[in-house]
Amino acid sequence: MFDWFSMAPYEERVVDHFEKDDLIIDTAAVNDGDYPFETGITWPSEYPDSDGWVIVEAYNTREEAQAGHDKWVATMTSPTLPDELRDCSNSKISQVIDALGGERVRSRRLNSTE
C-alpha cells in the first residue's frame, strides 16, 4: 500500500523547485497518492506548523504539474498571500487517517501581523 522504498530518486521525480528565503515550493512525482504528481509548500515564517509541508494540489500529468507549480509560485510570491494553505489529502495515508476520523493538521493559517 505504501511503497516509499521503491520511489525513484528525487532528481528523477522533480518537476520544478522554487526557493526564496524560507519559502519552498516543490512539485514532484509521487507513488503514494491518487494522483501521480503533487505540489507541496513550506514557509515556516508565514505559515507556522509542526511538520512543515502542506500538499496543496495534485495532478494527473507532468504538464499539469508544471502549470500548477507555476501557479503556486505566482500565488506565493504575490503581495497578497492566501489566508490559509489547505492540504489536498493526495496521499493514501492521509486518506486513511481522514477515514478513521484521526486528528491531522489539514491546513496552515497565515501568520497574523496584528
C-alpha atoms as a PDB file:
ATOM      1  CA  MET A   1       0.000   0.000   0.000  1.00  0.00           C
ATOM      2  CA  PHE A   2       2.764   2.492   0.913  1.00  0.00           C
ATOM      3  CA  ASP A   3       5.624   1.821  -1.454  1.00  0.00           C
ATOM      4  CA  TRP A   4       8.045   4.598  -0.442  1.00  0.00           C
ATOM      5  CA  PHE A   5      11.095   2.368  -0.759  1.00  0.00           C
ATOM      6  CA  SER A   6      10.666   1.821  -4.493  1.00  0.00           C
ATOM      7  CA  MET A   7      10.291   5.528  -5.245  1.00  0.00           C
ATOM      8  CA  ALA A   8      12.777   6.872  -7.794  1.00  0.00           C
ATOM      9  CA  PRO A   9      15.408   9.352  -6.592  1.00  0.00           C
ATOM     10  CA  TYR A  10      14.204  12.921  -6.172  1.00  0.00           C
ATOM     11  CA  GLU A  11      16.324  14.120  -9.099  1.00  0.00           C
ATOM     12  CA  GLU A  12      14.298  11.840 -11.404  1.00  0.00           C
ATOM     13  CA  ARG A  13      10.907  12.751  -9.902  1.00  0.00           C
ATOM     14  CA  VAL A  14      11.193  16.534  -9.580  1.00  0.00           C
ATOM     15  CA  VAL A  15       9.076  18.616 -11.941  1.00  0.00           C
ATOM     16  CA  ASP A  16      10.144  22.002 -10.569  1.00  0.00           C
ATOM     17  CA  HIS A  17      11.507  23.524  -7.369  1.00  0.00           C
ATOM     18  CA  PHE A  18      11.401  27.108  -6.089  1.00  0.00           C
ATOM     19  CA  GLU A  19      13.144  28.616  -3.046  1.00  0.00           C
ATOM     20  CA  LYS A  20      13.223  32.152  -1.714  1.00  0.00           C
ATOM     21  CA  ASP A  21      14.344  32.747   1.873  1.00  0.00           C
ATOM     22  CA  ASP A  22      12.426  30.098   3.875  1.00  0.00           C
ATOM     23  CA  LEU A  23       9.671  29.618   1.262  1.00  0.00           C
ATOM     24  CA  ILE A  24       9.949  26.341  -0.646  1.00  0.00           C
ATOM     25  CA  ILE A  25       7.547  25.202  -3.352  1.00  0.00           C
ATOM     26  CA  ASP A  26       8.269  21.732  -4.657  1.00  0.00           C
ATOM     27  CA  THR A  27       6.452  19.778  -7.353  1.00  0.00           C
ATOM     28  CA  ALA A  28       7.363  16.153  -7.986  1.00  0.00           C
ATOM     29  CA  ALA A  29       6.114  12.717  -8.958  1.00  0.00           C
ATOM     30  CA  VAL A  30       4.919  10.578  -6.048  1.00  0.00           C
ATOM     31  CA  ASN A  31       3.826   6.975  -5.755  1.00  0.00           C
ATOM     32  CA  ASP A  32       1.711   7.150  -2.604  1.00  0.00           C
ATOM     33  CA  GLY A  33      -1.264   9.164  -3.860  1.00  0.00           C
ATOM     34  CA  ASP A  34      -4.346   9.065  -6.029  1.00  0.00           C
ATOM     35  CA  TYR A  35      -2.581  11.417  -8.430  1.00  0.00           C
ATOM     36  CA  PRO A  36       0.991  10.820  -9.597  1.00  0.00           C
ATOM     37  CA  PHE A  37       2.226  14.408  -9.145  1.00  0.00           C
ATOM     38  CA  GLU A  38       1.797  16.920  -6.340  1.00  0.00           C
ATOM     39  CA  THR A  39       2.910  20.352  -5.175  1.00  0.00           C
ATOM     40  CA  GLY A  40       3.982  20.918  -1.597  1.00  0.00           C
ATOM     41  CA  ILE A  41       4.674  24.218   0.140  1.00  0.00           C
ATOM     42  CA  THR A  42       6.559  25.007   3.310  1.00  0.00           C
ATOM     43  CA  TRP A  43       7.036  28.529   4.636  1.00  0.00           C
ATOM     44  CA  PRO A  44       7.634  28.402   8.383  1.00  0.00           C
ATOM     45  CA  SER A  45       7.840  32.154   8.918  1.00  0.00           C
ATOM     46  CA  GLU A  46       4.487  32.825   7.215  1.00  0.00           C
ATOM     47  CA  TYR A  47       2.580  29.548   7.749  1.00  0.00           C
ATOM     48  CA  PRO A  48       3.893  28.062  11.005  1.00  0.00           C
ATOM     49  CA  ASP A  49       3.087  24.484  11.910  1.00  0.00           C
ATOM     50  CA  SER A  50       4.554  21.354  13.438  1.00  0.00           C
ATOM     51  CA  ASP A  51       5.511  19.277  10.390  1.00  0.00           C
ATOM     52  CA  GLY A  52       6.292  21.834   7.731  1.00  0.00           C
ATOM     53  CA  TRP A  53       4.737  20.756   4.442  1.00  0.00           C
ATOM     54  CA  VAL A  54       1.256  21.271   3.007  1.00  0.00           C
ATOM     55  CA  ILE A  55       0.416  19.334  -0.166  1.00  0.00           C
ATOM     56  CA  VAL A  56      -1.680  21.983  -1.884  1.00  0.00           C
ATOM     57  CA  GLU A  57      -2.513  20.364  -5.215  1.00  0.00           C
ATOM     58  CA  ALA A  58      -2.220  17.074  -7.087  1.00  0.00           C
ATOM     59  CA  TYR A  59      -2.139  16.413 -10.835  1.00  0.00           C
ATOM     60  CA  ASN A  60      -2.534  13.669 -13.418  1.00  0.00           C
ATOM     61  CA  THR A  61       0.266  14.676 -15.798  1.00  0.00           C
ATOM     62  CA  ARG A  62       3.704  16.282 -15.720  1.00  0.00           C
ATOM     63  CA  GLU A  63       2.339  19.144 -17.850  1.00  0.00           C
ATOM     64  CA  GLU A  64      -0.475  19.816 -15.351  1.00  0.00           C
ATOM     65  CA  ALA A  65       2.075  19.608 -12.548  1.00  0.00           C
ATOM     66  CA  GLN A  66       4.319  22.221 -14.199  1.00  0.00           C
ATOM     67  CA  ALA A  67       1.362  24.569 -14.770  1.00  0.00           C
ATOM     68  CA  GLY A  68       0.254  24.048 -11.163  1.00  0.00           C
ATOM     69  CA  HIS A  69       3.763  24.698  -9.858  1.00  0.00           C
ATOM     70  CA  ASP A  70       3.971  27.939 -11.838  1.00  0.00           C
ATOM     71  CA  LYS A  71       0.561  28.989 -10.484  1.00  0.00           C
ATOM     72  CA  TRP A  72       1.649  28.351  -6.881  1.00  0.00           C
ATOM     73  CA  VAL A  73       4.909  30.263  -7.323  1.00  0.00           C
ATOM     74  CA  ALA A  74       2.930  33.243  -8.662  1.00  0.00           C
ATOM     75  CA  THR A  75       0.411  32.943  -5.811  1.00  0.00           C
ATOM     76  CA  MET A  76       3.012  32.655  -3.061  1.00  0.00           C
ATOM     77  CA  THR A  77       5.201  35.491  -4.367  1.00  0.00           C
ATOM     78  CA  SER A  78       2.334  37.928  -4.888  1.00  0.00           C
ATOM     79  CA  PRO A  79       1.837  40.862  -2.490  1.00  0.00           C
ATOM     80  CA  THR A  80      -1.355  39.308  -1.065  1.00  0.00           C
ATOM     81  CA  LEU A  81      -0.898  35.793   0.310  1.00  0.00           C
ATOM     82  CA  PRO A  82      -3.685  33.242   0.825  1.00  0.00           C
ATOM     83  CA  ASP A  83      -5.124  33.326   4.354  1.00  0.00           C
ATOM     84  CA  GLU A  84      -4.779  29.546   4.503  1.00  0.00           C
ATOM     85  CA  LEU A  85      -2.984  26.655   2.784  1.00  0.00           C
ATOM     86  CA  ARG A  86      -5.196  23.556   2.767  1.00  0.00           C
ATOM     87  CA  ASP A  87      -3.855  20.014   2.388  1.00  0.00           C
ATOM     88  CA  CYS A  88      -5.414  18.205  -0.589  1.00  0.00           C
ATOM     89  CA  SER A  89      -5.063  14.718   1.011  1.00  0.00           C
ATOM     90  CA  ASN A  90      -3.485  13.137  -2.056  1.00  0.00           C
ATOM     91  CA  SER A  91      -1.523  10.519  -0.114  1.00  0.00           C
ATOM     92  CA  LYS A  92      -3.061   7.201   0.854  1.00  0.00           C
ATOM     93  CA  ILE A  93      -2.013   7.607   4.495  1.00  0.00           C
ATOM     94  CA  SER A  94      -3.795  10.972   4.676  1.00  0.00           C
ATOM     95  CA  GLN A  95      -6.942   9.387   3.320  1.00  0.00           C
ATOM     96  CA  VAL A  96      -6.762   6.518   5.816  1.00  0.00           C
ATOM     97  CA  ILE A  97      -6.322   8.923   8.733  1.00  0.00           C
ATOM     98  CA  ASP A  98      -9.242  11.024   7.472  1.00  0.00           C
ATOM     99  CA  ALA A  99     -11.463   7.944   7.048  1.00  0.00           C
ATOM    100  CA  LEU A 100     -10.700   6.787  10.588  1.00  0.00           C
ATOM    101  CA  GLY A 101     -11.528  10.212  11.957  1.00  0.00           C
ATOM    102  CA  GLY A 102      -7.960  10.748  13.068  1.00  0.00           C
ATOM    103  CA  GLU A 103      -6.610  14.105  14.008  1.00  0.00           C
ATOM    104  CA  ARG A 104      -4.262  15.533  11.429  1.00  0.00           C
ATOM    105  CA  VAL A 105      -3.341  19.085  10.539  1.00  0.00           C
ATOM    106  CA  ARG A 106      -5.155  19.828   7.287  1.00  0.00           C
ATOM    107  CA  SER A 107      -4.392  23.500   6.843  1.00  0.00           C
ATOM    108  CA  ARG A 108      -1.933  26.195   7.787  1.00  0.00           C
ATOM    109  CA  ARG A 109      -3.074  29.725   8.557  1.00  0.00           C
ATOM    110  CA  LEU A 110      -1.112  32.786   7.568  1.00  0.00           C
ATOM    111  CA  ASN A 111       0.774  34.355  10.483  1.00  0.00           C
ATOM    112  CA  SER A 112      -1.181  37.230  11.959  1.00  0.00           C
ATOM    113  CA  THR A 113       0.549  40.574  11.706  1.00  0.00           C
ATOM    114  CA  GLU A 114      -1.573  42.101  14.490  1.00  0.00           C
END
